């Protein structure tokens, strides 16, 4: 849990999470939305992956990033709140 909290503590990483919340995006698509270098965004993506927040899958010749555990946790929290 500590790794997840550390990973989402950075504002750019939270913005990456918001971007991939709606649909899978490639690292290039994510990087294009920021005014920092592509390697810097790649490092943020790696931190999110290592914490288990983002997962990567191969789709149509591209590696796509998408939410994993964080999305499941948010959905479970929403379900619990309704009950």
PDB file of N, CA and C in Angstrom:
ATOM      1  N   UNK A   1       0.821  -1.191   0.000  1.00  0.00           N
ATOM      2  CA  UNK A   1       0.000   0.000   0.000  1.00  0.00           C
ATOM      3  C   UNK A   1       0.869   1.260   0.000  1.00  0.00           C
ATOM      4  N   UNK A   2       1.995   1.199   0.718  1.00  0.00           N
ATOM      5  CA  UNK A   2       2.886   2.356   0.774  1.00  0.00           C
ATOM      6  C   UNK A   2       3.410   2.724  -0.611  1.00  0.00           C
ATOM      7  N   UNK A   3       3.736   1.718  -1.412  1.00  0.00           N
ATOM      8  CA  UNK A   3       4.232   1.979  -2.771  1.00  0.00           C
ATOM      9  C   UNK A   3       3.165   2.670  -3.614  1.00  0.00           C
ATOM     10  N   UNK A   4       1.922   2.272  -3.443  1.00  0.00           N
ATOM     11  CA  UNK A   4       0.821   2.895  -4.189  1.00  0.00           C
ATOM     12  C   UNK A   4       0.662   4.351  -3.764  1.00  0.00           C
ATOM     13  N   UNK A   5       0.679   4.596  -2.466  1.00  0.00           N
ATOM     14  CA  UNK A   5       0.528   5.968  -1.978  1.00  0.00           C
ATOM     15  C   UNK A   5       1.680   6.849  -2.444  1.00  0.00           C
ATOM     16  N   UNK A   6       2.885   6.312  -2.417  1.00  0.00           N
ATOM     17  CA  UNK A   6       4.035   7.067  -2.899  1.00  0.00           C
ATOM     18  C   UNK A   6       3.888   7.351  -4.393  1.00  0.00           C
ATOM     19  N   UNK A   7       3.412   6.361  -5.131  1.00  0.00           N
ATOM     20  CA  UNK A   7       3.268   6.514  -6.586  1.00  0.00           C
ATOM     21  C   UNK A   7       2.244   7.582  -6.946  1.00  0.00           C
ATOM     22  N   UNK A   8       1.159   7.653  -6.207  1.00  0.00           N
ATOM     23  CA  UNK A   8       0.105   8.613  -6.555  1.00  0.00           C
ATOM     24  C   UNK A   8       0.288   9.965  -5.870  1.00  0.00           C
ATOM     25  N   UNK A   9       1.383  10.134  -5.131  1.00  0.00           N
ATOM     26  CA  UNK A   9       1.617  11.407  -4.442  1.00  0.00           C
ATOM     27  C   UNK A   9       2.055  12.519  -5.391  1.00  0.00           C
ATOM     28  N   UNK A  10       2.538  12.168  -6.561  1.00  0.00           N
ATOM     29  CA  UNK A  10       3.026  13.159  -7.517  1.00  0.00           C
ATOM     30  C   UNK A  10       1.881  13.653  -8.407  1.00  0.00           C
ATOM     31  N   UNK A  11       1.742  14.971  -8.576  1.00  0.00           N
ATOM     32  CA  UNK A  11       0.646  15.511  -9.399  1.00  0.00           C
ATOM     33  C   UNK A  11       0.651  15.008 -10.846  1.00  0.00           C
ATOM     34  N   UNK A  12       1.817  14.853 -11.449  1.00  0.00           N
ATOM     35  CA  UNK A  12       1.856  14.358 -12.837  1.00  0.00           C
ATOM     36  C   UNK A  12       1.371  12.916 -12.909  1.00  0.00           C
ATOM     37  N   UNK A  13       1.736  12.122 -11.929  1.00  0.00           N
ATOM     38  CA  UNK A  13       1.276  10.727 -11.940  1.00  0.00           C
ATOM     39  C   UNK A  13      -0.231  10.654 -11.725  1.00  0.00           C
ATOM     40  N   UNK A  14      -0.772  11.541 -10.898  1.00  0.00           N
ATOM     41  CA  UNK A  14      -2.235  11.566 -10.737  1.00  0.00           C
ATOM     42  C   UNK A  14      -2.909  11.973 -12.041  1.00  0.00           C
ATOM     43  N   UNK A  15      -2.297  12.879 -12.782  1.00  0.00           N
ATOM     44  CA  UNK A  15      -2.855  13.270 -14.082  1.00  0.00           C
ATOM     45  C   UNK A  15      -2.789  12.102 -15.064  1.00  0.00           C
ATOM     46  N   UNK A  16      -1.713  11.334 -15.032  1.00  0.00           N
ATOM     47  CA  UNK A  16      -1.613  10.139 -15.882  1.00  0.00           C
ATOM     48  C   UNK A  16      -2.743   9.178 -15.545  1.00  0.00           C
ATOM     49  N   UNK A  17      -3.012   8.996 -14.265  1.00  0.00           N
ATOM     50  CA  UNK A  17      -4.108   8.116 -13.836  1.00  0.00           C
ATOM     51  C   UNK A  17      -5.432   8.626 -14.393  1.00  0.00           C
ATOM     52  N   UNK A  18      -5.658   9.935 -14.307  1.00  0.00           N
ATOM     53  CA  UNK A  18      -6.907  10.497 -14.852  1.00  0.00           C
ATOM     54  C   UNK A  18      -7.017  10.238 -16.356  1.00  0.00           C
ATOM     55  N   UNK A  19      -5.901  10.343 -17.061  1.00  0.00           N
ATOM     56  CA  UNK A  19      -5.925  10.128 -18.514  1.00  0.00           C
ATOM     57  C   UNK A  19      -6.289   8.688 -18.872  1.00  0.00           C
ATOM     58  N   UNK A  20      -5.700   7.735 -18.174  1.00  0.00           N
ATOM     59  CA  UNK A  20      -5.939   6.332 -18.548  1.00  0.00           C
ATOM     60  C   UNK A  20      -7.166   5.745 -17.858  1.00  0.00           C
ATOM     61  N   UNK A  21      -7.801   6.530 -17.016  1.00  0.00           N
ATOM     62  CA  UNK A  21      -9.014   6.051 -16.354  1.00  0.00           C
ATOM     63  C   UNK A  21     -10.114   5.767 -17.368  1.00  0.00           C
ATOM     64  N   UNK A  22     -10.187   6.570 -18.402  1.00  0.00           N
ATOM     65  CA  UNK A  22     -11.262   6.436 -19.388  1.00  0.00           C
ATOM     66  C   UNK A  22     -10.970   5.406 -20.475  1.00  0.00           C
ATOM     67  N   UNK A  23      -9.677   5.296 -20.869  1.00  0.00           N
ATOM     68  CA  UNK A  23      -9.330   4.322 -21.911  1.00  0.00           C
ATOM     69  C   UNK A  23      -7.837   4.057 -21.886  1.00  0.00           C
ATOM     70  N   UNK A  24      -7.450   2.954 -22.485  1.00  0.00           N
ATOM     71  CA  UNK A  24      -6.039   2.611 -22.576  1.00  0.00           C
ATOM     72  C   UNK A  24      -5.324   3.602 -23.488  1.00  0.00           C
ATOM     73  N   UNK A  25      -4.110   3.965 -23.105  1.00  0.00           N
ATOM     74  CA  UNK A  25      -3.295   4.874 -23.904  1.00  0.00           C
ATOM     75  C   UNK A  25      -1.878   4.329 -23.993  1.00  0.00           C
ATOM     76  N   UNK A  26      -1.224   4.590 -25.104  1.00  0.00           N
ATOM     77  CA  UNK A  26       0.189   4.229 -25.219  1.00  0.00           C
ATOM     78  C   UNK A  26       1.010   5.268 -24.458  1.00  0.00           C
ATOM     79  N   UNK A  27       2.256   4.921 -24.170  1.00  0.00           N
ATOM     80  CA  UNK A  27       3.140   5.861 -23.478  1.00  0.00           C
ATOM     81  C   UNK A  27       3.304   7.140 -24.295  1.00  0.00           C
ATOM     82  N   UNK A  28       3.375   7.011 -25.612  1.00  0.00           N
ATOM     83  CA  UNK A  28       3.495   8.184 -26.475  1.00  0.00           C
ATOM     84  C   UNK A  28       2.273   9.080 -26.399  1.00  0.00           C
ATOM     85  N   UNK A  29       1.085   8.469 -26.348  1.00  0.00           N
ATOM     86  CA  UNK A  29      -0.150   9.253 -26.227  1.00  0.00           C
ATOM     87  C   UNK A  29      -0.202   9.978 -24.885  1.00  0.00           C
ATOM     88  N   UNK A  30       0.264   9.305 -23.848  1.00  0.00           N
ATOM     89  CA  UNK A  30       0.301   9.936 -22.528  1.00  0.00           C
ATOM     90  C   UNK A  30       1.290  11.096 -22.545  1.00  0.00           C
ATOM     91  N   UNK A  31       2.492  10.846 -23.047  1.00  0.00           N
ATOM     92  CA  UNK A  31       3.548  11.868 -23.059  1.00  0.00           C
ATOM     93  C   UNK A  31       3.143  13.096 -23.867  1.00  0.00           C
ATOM     94  N   UNK A  32       2.370  12.897 -24.924  1.00  0.00           N
ATOM     95  CA  UNK A  32       1.955  14.016 -25.778  1.00  0.00           C
ATOM     96  C   UNK A  32       1.079  15.021 -25.032  1.00  0.00           C
ATOM     97  N   UNK A  33       0.510  14.618 -23.924  1.00  0.00           N
ATOM     98  CA  UNK A  33      -0.382  15.499 -23.163  1.00  0.00           C
ATOM     99  C   UNK A  33       0.353  16.365 -22.139  1.00  0.00           C
ATOM    100  N   UNK A  34       1.667  16.196 -22.046  1.00  0.00           N
ATOM    101  CA  UNK A  34       2.451  16.918 -21.047  1.00  0.00           C
ATOM    102  C   UNK A  34       3.512  17.779 -21.712  1.00  0.00           C
ATOM    103  N   UNK A  35       3.916  18.826 -21.025  1.00  0.00           N
ATOM    104  CA  UNK A  35       4.954  19.716 -21.536  1.00  0.00           C
ATOM    105  C   UNK A  35       6.310  19.405 -20.906  1.00  0.00           C
ATOM    106  N   UNK A  36       6.549  18.150 -20.601  1.00  0.00           N
ATOM    107  CA  UNK A  36       7.852  17.699 -20.106  1.00  0.00           C
ATOM    108  C   UNK A  36       8.354  16.635 -21.067  1.00  0.00           C
ATOM    109  N   UNK A  37       9.595  16.237 -20.903  1.00  0.00           N
ATOM    110  CA  UNK A  37      10.182  15.284 -21.843  1.00  0.00           C
ATOM    111  C   UNK A  37       9.497  13.920 -21.777  1.00  0.00           C
ATOM    112  N   UNK A  38       9.558  13.224 -22.884  1.00  0.00           N
ATOM    113  CA  UNK A  38       8.991  11.875 -22.947  1.00  0.00           C
ATOM    114  C   UNK A  38       9.681  10.935 -21.953  1.00  0.00           C
ATOM    115  N   UNK A  39      11.027  11.007 -21.800  1.00  0.00           N
ATOM    116  CA  UNK A  39      11.667  10.157 -20.789  1.00  0.00           C
ATOM    117  C   UNK A  39      11.167  10.439 -19.364  1.00  0.00           C
ATOM    118  N   UNK A  40      10.862  11.693 -19.067  1.00  0.00           N
ATOM    119  CA  UNK A  40      10.338  12.021 -17.736  1.00  0.00           C
ATOM    120  C   UNK A  40       8.979  11.359 -17.522  1.00  0.00           C
ATOM    121  N   UNK A  41       8.117  11.420 -18.520  1.00  0.00           N
ATOM    122  CA  UNK A  41       6.802  10.779 -18.414  1.00  0.00           C
ATOM    123  C   UNK A  41       6.957   9.265 -18.349  1.00  0.00           C
ATOM    124  N   UNK A  42       7.890   8.734 -19.112  1.00  0.00           N
ATOM    125  CA  UNK A  42       8.153   7.296 -19.072  1.00  0.00           C
ATOM    126  C   UNK A  42       8.554   6.856 -17.666  1.00  0.00           C
ATOM    127  N   UNK A  43       9.343   7.665 -16.996  1.00  0.00           N
ATOM    128  CA  UNK A  43       9.749   7.348 -15.626  1.00  0.00           C
ATOM    129  C   UNK A  43       8.532   7.349 -14.696  1.00  0.00           C
ATOM    130  N   UNK A  44       7.641   8.320 -14.857  1.00  0.00           N
ATOM    131  CA  UNK A  44       6.420   8.359 -14.046  1.00  0.00           C
ATOM    132  C   UNK A  44       5.563   7.114 -14.311  1.00  0.00           C
ATOM    133  N   UNK A  45       5.440   6.721 -15.565  1.00  0.00           N
ATOM    134  CA  UNK A  45       4.658   5.531 -15.921  1.00  0.00           C
ATOM    135  C   UNK A  45       5.276   4.295 -15.282  1.00  0.00           C
ATOM    136  N   UNK A  46       6.597   4.200 -15.307  1.00  0.00           N
ATOM    137  CA  UNK A  46       7.290   3.058 -14.703  1.00  0.00           C
ATOM    138  C   UNK A  46       7.006   2.985 -13.207  1.00  0.00           C
ATOM    139  N   UNK A  47       7.040   4.109 -12.530  1.00  0.00           N
ATOM    140  CA  UNK A  47       6.749   4.133 -11.092  1.00  0.00           C
ATOM    141  C   UNK A  47       5.326   3.647 -10.831  1.00  0.00           C
ATOM    142  N   UNK A  48       4.380   4.091 -11.644  1.00  0.00           N
ATOM    143  CA  UNK A  48       2.990   3.649 -11.484  1.00  0.00           C
ATOM    144  C   UNK A  48       2.848   2.155 -11.762  1.00  0.00           C
ATOM    145  N   UNK A  49       3.560   1.648 -12.751  1.00  0.00           N
ATOM    146  CA  UNK A  49       3.510   0.210 -13.056  1.00  0.00           C
ATOM    147  C   UNK A  49       4.103  -0.605 -11.915  1.00  0.00           C
ATOM    148  N   UNK A  50       5.271  -0.178 -11.423  1.00  0.00           N
ATOM    149  CA  UNK A  50       5.942  -0.919 -10.352  1.00  0.00           C
ATOM    150  C   UNK A  50       5.116  -0.953  -9.073  1.00  0.00           C
ATOM    151  N   UNK A  51       4.301   0.072  -8.850  1.00  0.00           N
ATOM    152  CA  UNK A  51       3.421   0.108  -7.683  1.00  0.00           C
ATOM    153  C   UNK A  51       2.148  -0.703  -7.910  1.00  0.00           C
ATOM    154  N   UNK A  52       1.947  -1.178  -9.133  1.00  0.00           N
ATOM    155  CA  UNK A  52       0.760  -1.961  -9.441  1.00  0.00           C
ATOM    156  C   UNK A  52      -0.454  -1.125  -9.777  1.00  0.00           C
ATOM    157  N   UNK A  53      -0.257   0.170  -9.974  1.00  0.00           N
ATOM    158  CA  UNK A  53      -1.376   1.058 -10.301  1.00  0.00           C
ATOM    159  C   UNK A  53      -1.729   0.939 -11.777  1.00  0.00           C
ATOM    160  N   UNK A  54      -0.726   0.907 -12.636  1.00  0.00           N
ATOM    161  CA  UNK A  54      -0.940   0.743 -14.077  1.00  0.00           C
ATOM    162  C   UNK A  54      -0.503  -0.644 -14.510  1.00  0.00           C
ATOM    163  N   UNK A  55      -1.182  -1.156 -15.477  1.00  0.00           N
ATOM    164  CA  UNK A  55      -0.792  -2.411 -16.123  1.00  0.00           C
ATOM    165  C   UNK A  55      -0.542  -2.099 -17.586  1.00  0.00           C
ATOM    166  N   UNK A  56       0.216  -2.955 -18.222  1.00  0.00           N
ATOM    167  CA  UNK A  56       0.549  -2.752 -19.626  1.00  0.00           C
ATOM    168  C   UNK A  56       0.117  -3.982 -20.404  1.00  0.00           C
ATOM    169  N   UNK A  57      -0.513  -3.770 -21.542  1.00  0.00           N
ATOM    170  CA  UNK A  57      -0.898  -4.887 -22.403  1.00  0.00           C
ATOM    171  C   UNK A  57      -0.599  -4.523 -23.853  1.00  0.00           C
ATOM    172  N   UNK A  58      -0.355  -5.540 -24.651  1.00  0.00           N
ATOM    173  CA  UNK A  58       0.001  -5.355 -26.055  1.00  0.00           C
ATOM    174  C   UNK A  58      -1.271  -5.384 -26.888  1.00  0.00           C
ATOM    175  N   UNK A  59      -1.548  -4.267 -27.583  1.00  0.00           N
ATOM    176  CA  UNK A  59      -2.763  -4.146 -28.382  1.00  0.00           C
ATOM    177  C   UNK A  59      -2.397  -3.561 -29.738  1.00  0.00           C
ATOM    178  N   UNK A  60      -2.677  -4.301 -30.787  1.00  0.00           N
ATOM    179  CA  UNK A  60      -2.458  -3.805 -32.153  1.00  0.00           C
ATOM    180  C   UNK A  60      -1.084  -3.154 -32.349  1.00  0.00           C
ATOM    181  N   UNK A  61      -0.051  -3.863 -32.010  1.00  0.00           N
ATOM    182  CA  UNK A  61       1.337  -3.429 -32.206  1.00  0.00           C
ATOM    183  C   UNK A  61       1.812  -2.361 -31.230  1.00  0.00           C
ATOM    184  N   UNK A  62       1.024  -2.006 -30.221  1.00  0.00           N
ATOM    185  CA  UNK A  62       1.428  -0.987 -29.255  1.00  0.00           C
ATOM    186  C   UNK A  62       1.270  -1.525 -27.841  1.00  0.00           C
ATOM    187  N   UNK A  63       2.151  -1.092 -26.955  1.00  0.00           N
ATOM    188  CA  UNK A  63       1.973  -1.359 -25.536  1.00  0.00           C
ATOM    189  C   UNK A  63       1.050  -0.281 -24.988  1.00  0.00           C
ATOM    190  N   UNK A  64      -0.046  -0.694 -24.393  1.00  0.00           N
ATOM    191  CA  UNK A  64      -1.035   0.242 -23.876  1.00  0.00           C
ATOM    192  C   UNK A  64      -1.044   0.166 -22.351  1.00  0.00           C
ATOM    193  N   UNK A  65      -1.207   1.315 -21.715  1.00  0.00           N
ATOM    194  CA  UNK A  65      -1.274   1.377 -20.261  1.00  0.00           C
ATOM    195  C   UNK A  65      -2.715   1.558 -19.827  1.00  0.00           C
ATOM    196  N   UNK A  66      -3.063   0.878 -18.752  1.00  0.00           N
ATOM    197  CA  UNK A  66      -4.415   0.990 -18.221  1.00  0.00           C
ATOM    198  C   UNK A  66      -4.384   0.794 -16.716  1.00  0.00           C
ATOM    199  N   UNK A  67      -5.433   1.225 -16.046  1.00  0.00           N
ATOM    200  CA  UNK A  67      -5.516   1.083 -14.597  1.00  0.00           C
ATOM    201  C   UNK A  67      -5.779  -0.356 -14.233  1.00  0.00           C
ATOM    202  N   UNK A  68      -5.292  -0.743 -13.076  1.00  0.00           N
ATOM    203  CA  UNK A  68      -5.519  -2.103 -12.615  1.00  0.00           C
ATOM    204  C   UNK A  68      -6.050  -2.067 -11.190  1.00  0.00           C
ATOM    205  N   UNK A  69      -5.180  -2.230 -10.222  1.00  0.00           N
ATOM    206  CA  UNK A  69      -5.625  -2.328  -8.840  1.00  0.00           C
ATOM    207  C   UNK A  69      -6.344  -1.083  -8.352  1.00  0.00           C
ATOM    208  N   UNK A  70      -5.870   0.082  -8.743  1.00  0.00           N
ATOM    209  CA  UNK A  70      -6.497   1.311  -8.277  1.00  0.00           C
ATOM    210  C   UNK A  70      -7.936   1.404  -8.763  1.00  0.00           C
ATOM    211  N   UNK A  71      -8.168   1.020 -10.001  1.00  0.00           N
ATOM    212  CA  UNK A  71      -9.523   1.048 -10.558  1.00  0.00           C
ATOM    213  C   UNK A  71     -10.412   0.065  -9.808  1.00  0.00           C
ATOM    214  N   UNK A  72      -9.899  -1.132  -9.564  1.00  0.00           N
ATOM    215  CA  UNK A  72     -10.675  -2.126  -8.828  1.00  0.00           C
ATOM    216  C   UNK A  72     -11.007  -1.629  -7.429  1.00  0.00           C
ATOM    217  N   UNK A  73     -10.029  -1.003  -6.759  1.00  0.00           N
ATOM    218  CA  UNK A  73     -10.252  -0.491  -5.408  1.00  0.00           C
ATOM    219  C   UNK A  73     -11.302   0.616  -5.412  1.00  0.00           C
ATOM    220  N   UNK A  74     -11.236   1.512  -6.391  1.00  0.00           N
ATOM    221  CA  UNK A  74     -12.208   2.603  -6.483  1.00  0.00           C
ATOM    222  C   UNK A  74     -13.608   2.058  -6.747  1.00  0.00           C
ATOM    223  N   UNK A  75     -13.712   1.062  -7.617  1.00  0.00           N
ATOM    224  CA  UNK A  75     -15.015   0.464  -7.905  1.00  0.00           C
ATOM    225  C   UNK A  75     -15.575  -0.232  -6.669  1.00  0.00           C
ATOM    226  N   UNK A  76     -14.712  -0.915  -5.907  1.00  0.00           N
ATOM    227  CA  UNK A  76     -15.163  -1.589  -4.696  1.00  0.00           C
ATOM    228  C   UNK A  76     -15.615  -0.571  -3.656  1.00  0.00           C
ATOM    229  N   UNK A  77     -14.877   0.519  -3.523  1.00  0.00           N
ATOM    230  CA  UNK A  77     -15.246   1.568  -2.575  1.00  0.00           C
ATOM    231  C   UNK A  77     -16.599   2.167  -2.941  1.00  0.00           C
ATOM    232  N   UNK A  78     -16.829   2.376  -4.226  1.00  0.00           N
ATOM    233  CA  UNK A  78     -18.107   2.916  -4.685  1.00  0.00           C
ATOM    234  C   UNK A  78     -19.242   1.945  -4.372  1.00  0.00           C
ATOM    235  N   UNK A  79     -19.020   0.666  -4.594  1.00  0.00           N
ATOM    236  CA  UNK A  79     -20.018  -0.357  -4.289  1.00  0.00           C
ATOM    237  C   UNK A  79     -20.314  -0.390  -2.795  1.00  0.00           C
ATOM    238  N   UNK A  80     -19.256  -0.359  -1.983  1.00  0.00           N
ATOM    239  CA  UNK A  80     -19.430  -0.382  -0.529  1.00  0.00           C
ATOM    240  C   UNK A  80     -20.203   0.839  -0.042  1.00  0.00           C
ATOM    241  N   UNK A  81     -19.949   1.993  -0.641  1.00  0.00           N
ATOM    242  CA  UNK A  81     -20.620   3.227  -0.231  1.00  0.00           C
ATOM    243  C   UNK A  81     -22.117   3.166  -0.519  1.00  0.00           C
ATOM    244  N   UNK A  82     -22.479   2.455  -1.576  1.00  0.00           N
ATOM    245  CA  UNK A  82     -23.902   2.340  -1.935  1.00  0.00           C
ATOM    246  C   UNK A  82     -24.647   1.381  -1.020  1.00  0.00           C
ATOM    247  N   UNK A  83     -23.939   0.465  -0.403  1.00  0.00           N
ATOM    248  CA  UNK A  83     -24.590  -0.554   0.452  1.00  0.00           C
ATOM    249  C   UNK A  83     -24.651  -0.158   1.893  1.00  0.00           C
TER     250      UNK A  83
END
